[in-house]
N, C-alpha and C. Protein backbone atom coordinates (compact mmCIF):
# COMPACT_ATOMS: atom_id res chain seq x y z
N MET A 1 129.56 114.78 82.76
CA MET A 1 128.63 115.21 81.73
C MET A 1 127.21 114.98 82.24
N TYR A 2 126.35 115.95 82.06
CA TYR A 2 124.95 115.86 82.47
C TYR A 2 124.10 115.55 81.25
N PHE A 3 123.26 114.53 81.33
CA PHE A 3 122.47 114.08 80.19
C PHE A 3 121.02 114.55 80.23
N GLY A 4 120.70 115.50 81.11
CA GLY A 4 119.37 116.09 81.10
C GLY A 4 118.35 115.44 82.01
N PHE A 5 118.69 114.35 82.66
CA PHE A 5 117.74 113.74 83.59
C PHE A 5 118.50 112.92 84.62
N MET A 6 117.90 112.79 85.73
CA MET A 6 118.40 111.88 86.77
C MET A 6 117.18 111.22 87.37
N LYS A 7 117.34 110.01 87.84
CA LYS A 7 116.26 109.36 88.55
C LYS A 7 116.83 108.75 89.80
N ILE A 8 116.00 108.61 90.79
CA ILE A 8 116.46 107.99 92.04
C ILE A 8 116.67 106.51 91.77
N ARG A 9 117.88 106.06 92.02
CA ARG A 9 118.23 104.66 91.79
C ARG A 9 118.04 103.80 93.04
N GLN A 10 118.36 104.42 94.21
CA GLN A 10 118.29 103.66 95.45
C GLN A 10 118.05 104.61 96.62
N VAL A 11 117.28 104.15 97.58
CA VAL A 11 117.03 104.85 98.83
C VAL A 11 117.44 103.90 99.94
N ALA A 12 118.14 104.42 100.96
CA ALA A 12 118.60 103.56 102.05
C ALA A 12 117.94 103.97 103.36
N LEU A 13 117.58 102.97 104.15
CA LEU A 13 117.05 103.18 105.49
C LEU A 13 117.90 102.39 106.48
N GLY A 14 118.28 103.04 107.55
CA GLY A 14 119.03 102.34 108.58
C GLY A 14 118.12 101.44 109.41
N CYS A 15 118.70 100.39 109.93
CA CYS A 15 117.96 99.49 110.81
C CYS A 15 118.89 98.92 111.86
N LYS A 16 118.31 98.41 112.92
CA LYS A 16 119.09 97.75 113.97
C LYS A 16 119.02 96.24 113.81
N ASP A 17 117.85 95.74 113.44
CA ASP A 17 117.62 94.30 113.32
C ASP A 17 117.18 94.02 111.88
N LEU A 18 118.05 93.46 111.08
CA LEU A 18 117.78 93.26 109.65
C LEU A 18 116.60 92.31 109.43
N VAL A 19 116.52 91.23 110.17
CA VAL A 19 115.43 90.27 109.98
C VAL A 19 114.09 90.93 110.29
N ARG A 20 114.02 91.64 111.39
CA ARG A 20 112.79 92.33 111.78
C ARG A 20 112.41 93.37 110.72
N ALA A 21 113.38 94.17 110.26
CA ALA A 21 113.11 95.20 109.25
C ALA A 21 112.69 94.56 107.92
N GLN A 22 113.34 93.49 107.54
CA GLN A 22 113.00 92.79 106.30
C GLN A 22 111.56 92.28 106.36
N GLU A 23 111.19 91.67 107.47
CA GLU A 23 109.82 91.17 107.63
C GLU A 23 108.80 92.31 107.58
N PHE A 24 109.13 93.44 108.21
CA PHE A 24 108.23 94.60 108.19
C PHE A 24 108.00 95.06 106.76
N TYR A 25 109.07 95.24 105.99
CA TYR A 25 108.93 95.76 104.62
C TYR A 25 108.31 94.73 103.68
N GLU A 26 108.49 93.46 103.93
CA GLU A 26 107.79 92.46 103.13
C GLU A 26 106.28 92.57 103.34
N ARG A 27 105.85 92.81 104.59
CA ARG A 27 104.41 93.01 104.87
C ARG A 27 103.93 94.32 104.26
N LEU A 28 104.70 95.39 104.45
CA LEU A 28 104.30 96.70 103.94
C LEU A 28 104.17 96.70 102.43
N LEU A 29 105.16 96.16 101.74
CA LEU A 29 105.21 96.21 100.28
C LEU A 29 104.48 95.05 99.61
N GLY A 30 104.21 94.00 100.36
CA GLY A 30 103.54 92.84 99.78
C GLY A 30 104.41 92.05 98.84
N SER A 31 105.72 92.12 99.05
CA SER A 31 106.65 91.37 98.19
C SER A 31 107.90 90.99 98.99
N LYS A 32 108.54 89.95 98.54
CA LYS A 32 109.77 89.48 99.17
C LYS A 32 110.94 90.38 98.76
N SER A 33 111.99 90.34 99.54
CA SER A 33 113.19 91.11 99.21
C SER A 33 113.85 90.54 97.95
N LEU A 34 114.56 91.41 97.23
CA LEU A 34 115.31 90.97 96.04
C LEU A 34 116.54 90.17 96.42
N ALA A 35 117.24 90.66 97.44
CA ALA A 35 118.48 90.03 97.87
C ALA A 35 118.75 90.41 99.31
N VAL A 36 119.40 89.49 100.03
CA VAL A 36 119.79 89.74 101.42
C VAL A 36 121.23 89.31 101.56
N PHE A 37 122.05 90.18 102.15
CA PHE A 37 123.46 89.89 102.41
C PHE A 37 123.69 90.14 103.90
N ASN A 38 123.70 89.04 104.67
CA ASN A 38 123.81 89.17 106.11
C ASN A 38 124.72 88.09 106.66
N PRO A 39 125.98 88.37 106.97
CA PRO A 39 126.57 89.69 106.97
C PRO A 39 126.84 90.19 105.55
N PRO A 40 127.04 91.48 105.40
CA PRO A 40 127.28 92.53 106.39
C PRO A 40 126.02 93.17 106.95
N GLY A 41 124.82 92.87 106.42
CA GLY A 41 123.59 93.44 106.98
C GLY A 41 122.84 94.31 105.99
N PHE A 42 122.59 93.78 104.78
CA PHE A 42 121.86 94.51 103.75
C PHE A 42 120.69 93.67 103.25
N ALA A 43 119.55 94.34 103.00
CA ALA A 43 118.41 93.71 102.31
C ALA A 43 117.90 94.71 101.29
N PHE A 44 117.57 94.21 100.10
CA PHE A 44 117.14 95.06 99.00
C PHE A 44 115.73 94.70 98.55
N PHE A 45 114.95 95.73 98.21
CA PHE A 45 113.61 95.57 97.66
C PHE A 45 113.51 96.40 96.39
N ASP A 46 112.60 96.01 95.50
CA ASP A 46 112.34 96.78 94.28
C ASP A 46 111.08 97.60 94.47
N LEU A 47 111.21 98.92 94.31
CA LEU A 47 110.06 99.83 94.36
C LEU A 47 109.88 100.42 92.97
N ALA A 48 109.28 99.67 92.07
CA ALA A 48 109.02 100.12 90.70
C ALA A 48 110.28 100.66 90.03
N GLY A 49 111.39 99.94 90.17
CA GLY A 49 112.63 100.32 89.51
C GLY A 49 113.60 101.08 90.39
N THR A 50 113.19 101.49 91.56
CA THR A 50 114.09 102.11 92.53
C THR A 50 114.33 101.10 93.64
N ARG A 51 115.60 100.90 93.98
CA ARG A 51 115.91 99.95 95.04
C ARG A 51 115.75 100.59 96.41
N LEU A 52 115.18 99.84 97.33
CA LEU A 52 115.14 100.20 98.74
C LEU A 52 116.17 99.32 99.43
N LEU A 53 117.14 99.95 100.08
CA LEU A 53 118.19 99.25 100.82
C LEU A 53 117.93 99.40 102.30
N LEU A 54 117.82 98.30 103.01
CA LEU A 54 117.81 98.30 104.48
C LEU A 54 119.22 97.97 104.91
N GLU A 55 119.80 98.83 105.74
CA GLU A 55 121.21 98.68 106.09
C GLU A 55 121.39 98.73 107.60
N VAL A 56 121.92 97.65 108.17
CA VAL A 56 122.18 97.61 109.61
C VAL A 56 123.20 98.70 109.93
N GLY A 57 122.81 99.56 110.89
CA GLY A 57 123.70 100.63 111.32
C GLY A 57 123.71 101.85 110.40
N GLY A 58 122.91 101.81 109.32
CA GLY A 58 122.84 102.95 108.40
C GLY A 58 122.08 104.10 109.01
N PRO A 59 122.12 105.27 108.38
CA PRO A 59 121.44 106.44 108.92
C PRO A 59 119.92 106.34 108.81
N LYS A 60 119.23 107.01 109.72
CA LYS A 60 117.77 107.11 109.62
C LYS A 60 117.44 107.99 108.43
N SER A 61 116.36 107.69 107.78
CA SER A 61 115.93 108.45 106.62
C SER A 61 114.42 108.55 106.63
N LEU A 62 113.89 109.31 105.69
CA LEU A 62 112.45 109.43 105.53
C LEU A 62 112.14 109.24 104.06
N ILE A 63 111.29 108.26 103.76
CA ILE A 63 110.87 108.04 102.38
C ILE A 63 109.36 108.22 102.30
N TYR A 64 108.90 108.55 101.12
CA TYR A 64 107.49 108.70 100.84
C TYR A 64 107.13 107.70 99.75
N LEU A 65 106.12 106.90 99.99
CA LEU A 65 105.68 105.89 99.04
C LEU A 65 104.30 106.26 98.51
N GLU A 66 104.13 106.13 97.20
CA GLU A 66 102.82 106.38 96.61
C GLU A 66 101.95 105.13 96.73
N VAL A 67 100.72 105.35 97.17
CA VAL A 67 99.73 104.27 97.26
C VAL A 67 98.46 104.74 96.56
N ASN A 68 97.58 103.83 96.23
CA ASN A 68 96.34 104.21 95.53
C ASN A 68 95.41 105.05 96.40
N ASP A 69 95.29 104.69 97.68
CA ASP A 69 94.37 105.38 98.57
C ASP A 69 94.96 105.35 99.98
N VAL A 70 95.41 106.50 100.46
CA VAL A 70 96.06 106.56 101.77
C VAL A 70 95.14 106.05 102.88
N GLY A 71 93.87 106.41 102.83
CA GLY A 71 92.94 105.97 103.87
C GLY A 71 92.82 104.46 103.93
N LEU A 72 92.62 103.83 102.78
CA LEU A 72 92.49 102.37 102.74
C LEU A 72 93.78 101.69 103.16
N GLU A 73 94.91 102.21 102.69
CA GLU A 73 96.20 101.60 103.02
C GLU A 73 96.50 101.75 104.52
N THR A 74 96.15 102.89 105.09
CA THR A 74 96.35 103.09 106.52
C THR A 74 95.55 102.07 107.33
N GLU A 75 94.31 101.83 106.93
CA GLU A 75 93.48 100.85 107.65
C GLU A 75 94.03 99.44 107.49
N ARG A 76 94.53 99.11 106.31
CA ARG A 76 95.13 97.78 106.10
C ARG A 76 96.32 97.60 107.03
N LEU A 77 97.17 98.61 107.10
CA LEU A 77 98.37 98.52 107.93
C LEU A 77 98.03 98.53 109.42
N ARG A 78 97.04 99.30 109.79
CA ARG A 78 96.60 99.33 111.19
C ARG A 78 96.18 97.92 111.63
N LYS A 79 95.44 97.21 110.76
CA LYS A 79 94.99 95.85 111.08
C LYS A 79 96.17 94.89 111.22
N LEU A 80 97.29 95.21 110.56
CA LEU A 80 98.50 94.40 110.68
C LEU A 80 99.33 94.77 111.90
N GLY A 81 98.87 95.77 112.64
CA GLY A 81 99.59 96.18 113.85
C GLY A 81 100.66 97.23 113.62
N VAL A 82 100.68 97.85 112.44
CA VAL A 82 101.67 98.88 112.14
C VAL A 82 101.29 100.15 112.91
N LYS A 83 102.29 100.80 113.49
CA LYS A 83 102.06 102.03 114.25
C LYS A 83 101.79 103.18 113.28
N ILE A 84 100.63 103.81 113.44
CA ILE A 84 100.27 104.98 112.63
C ILE A 84 100.76 106.20 113.39
N HIS A 85 101.71 106.91 112.82
CA HIS A 85 102.30 108.08 113.47
C HIS A 85 101.42 109.32 113.27
N THR A 86 100.97 109.55 112.04
CA THR A 86 100.11 110.68 111.70
C THR A 86 98.99 110.18 110.81
N GLU A 87 97.76 110.40 111.21
CA GLU A 87 96.60 109.94 110.46
C GLU A 87 96.53 110.61 109.08
N PRO A 88 95.85 109.97 108.11
CA PRO A 88 95.71 110.56 106.78
C PRO A 88 95.08 111.95 106.84
N HIS A 89 95.65 112.84 106.05
CA HIS A 89 95.15 114.21 105.98
C HIS A 89 95.56 114.82 104.64
N ILE A 90 94.86 115.86 104.25
CA ILE A 90 95.21 116.57 103.01
C ILE A 90 96.39 117.47 103.34
N VAL A 91 97.50 117.23 102.67
CA VAL A 91 98.70 118.02 102.92
C VAL A 91 98.80 119.19 101.95
N PHE A 92 98.16 119.05 100.76
CA PHE A 92 98.20 120.12 99.77
C PHE A 92 96.98 119.99 98.87
N PRO A 93 96.10 121.02 98.83
CA PRO A 93 94.89 120.93 98.00
C PRO A 93 95.18 120.89 96.50
N ASP A 94 96.17 121.61 96.01
CA ASP A 94 96.66 121.62 94.63
C ASP A 94 95.58 121.69 93.55
N PRO A 95 94.68 122.68 93.61
CA PRO A 95 93.64 122.79 92.59
C PRO A 95 94.19 123.15 91.20
N GLN A 96 95.39 123.75 91.16
CA GLN A 96 95.99 124.11 89.87
C GLN A 96 96.84 122.98 89.27
N GLY A 97 97.08 121.93 90.02
CA GLY A 97 97.89 120.83 89.49
C GLY A 97 99.37 121.15 89.45
N VAL A 98 99.88 121.81 90.47
CA VAL A 98 101.30 122.15 90.54
C VAL A 98 102.17 120.89 90.48
N PHE A 99 101.78 119.84 91.20
CA PHE A 99 102.59 118.63 91.27
C PHE A 99 102.09 117.49 90.40
N ASP A 100 100.88 117.59 89.87
CA ASP A 100 100.29 116.49 89.12
C ASP A 100 98.95 116.98 88.59
N THR A 101 98.07 116.06 88.25
CA THR A 101 96.72 116.42 87.87
C THR A 101 96.07 117.17 89.03
N PRO A 102 95.27 118.23 88.76
CA PRO A 102 94.62 118.94 89.86
C PRO A 102 93.89 117.97 90.79
N GLY A 103 94.08 118.17 92.06
CA GLY A 103 93.46 117.30 93.05
C GLY A 103 94.06 117.52 94.42
N LYS A 104 93.65 116.70 95.35
CA LYS A 104 94.12 116.81 96.73
C LYS A 104 95.22 115.79 96.99
N GLU A 105 96.32 116.25 97.58
CA GLU A 105 97.44 115.37 97.94
C GLU A 105 97.23 114.91 99.39
N TRP A 106 97.05 113.61 99.58
CA TRP A 106 96.84 113.02 100.90
C TRP A 106 98.15 112.44 101.42
N LEU A 107 98.32 112.50 102.74
CA LEU A 107 99.55 112.02 103.36
C LEU A 107 99.25 111.45 104.74
N CYS A 108 99.96 110.41 105.09
CA CYS A 108 100.00 109.94 106.47
C CYS A 108 101.41 109.41 106.71
N PHE A 109 101.76 109.26 107.97
CA PHE A 109 103.05 108.69 108.31
C PHE A 109 102.84 107.47 109.17
N ILE A 110 103.59 106.42 108.85
CA ILE A 110 103.64 105.23 109.68
C ILE A 110 105.05 105.11 110.23
N GLU A 111 105.21 104.27 111.22
CA GLU A 111 106.54 104.02 111.78
C GLU A 111 106.92 102.58 111.48
N ASP A 112 108.12 102.41 110.93
CA ASP A 112 108.55 101.05 110.62
C ASP A 112 109.09 100.37 111.87
N SER A 113 109.53 99.14 111.73
CA SER A 113 109.98 98.35 112.87
C SER A 113 111.24 98.90 113.51
N GLU A 114 111.95 99.82 112.82
CA GLU A 114 113.21 100.35 113.29
C GLU A 114 113.10 101.80 113.77
N GLY A 115 111.88 102.34 113.78
CA GLY A 115 111.68 103.71 114.23
C GLY A 115 111.76 104.75 113.14
N ASN A 116 111.97 104.34 111.87
CA ASN A 116 111.95 105.28 110.75
C ASN A 116 110.50 105.65 110.43
N LEU A 117 110.27 106.90 110.06
CA LEU A 117 108.96 107.28 109.55
C LEU A 117 108.92 107.00 108.06
N VAL A 118 107.75 106.56 107.59
CA VAL A 118 107.51 106.31 106.18
C VAL A 118 106.24 107.08 105.82
N GLY A 119 106.36 107.98 104.85
CA GLY A 119 105.20 108.73 104.38
C GLY A 119 104.46 107.93 103.31
N LEU A 120 103.15 107.89 103.42
CA LEU A 120 102.31 107.27 102.40
C LEU A 120 101.50 108.39 101.77
N MET A 121 101.53 108.48 100.43
CA MET A 121 100.88 109.57 99.72
C MET A 121 99.95 109.02 98.65
N SER A 122 98.84 109.73 98.44
CA SER A 122 97.96 109.42 97.31
C SER A 122 97.35 110.73 96.83
N ARG A 123 96.76 110.67 95.66
CA ARG A 123 96.17 111.86 95.05
C ARG A 123 94.70 111.60 94.79
N GLU A 124 93.86 112.49 95.30
CA GLU A 124 92.42 112.45 95.03
C GLU A 124 92.16 113.46 93.94
N VAL A 125 91.86 112.98 92.74
CA VAL A 125 91.68 113.86 91.58
C VAL A 125 90.32 114.54 91.67
N ASN A 126 90.31 115.85 91.37
CA ASN A 126 89.06 116.63 91.40
C ASN A 126 88.11 116.18 90.34
């Protein structure tokens, strides 16, 4: 039965080294993991009600995280030594507000400790 809505409950990212990945995401998110089960190799984080699962041997994935200001967040992460894969840029001007309030959609990609790309997005309102 379909109840008219679905929400993302959990996103999984594969990793090779759980401790290294856990430390990376604690720095990125500014919060400790919710739970760690090692073995078998799982760490969980809360992303505003959606769980992020780091899984040893799991598949590579791509997630996009909303931040207040992509430029400022990129500089913060750069100072922490995070690899910036793609510098901040406007990915969609969106003057009509197709995806949200009219404004510019900013995006950059960073690389996590396991080689996964993570998109950081923000919206500059007109």
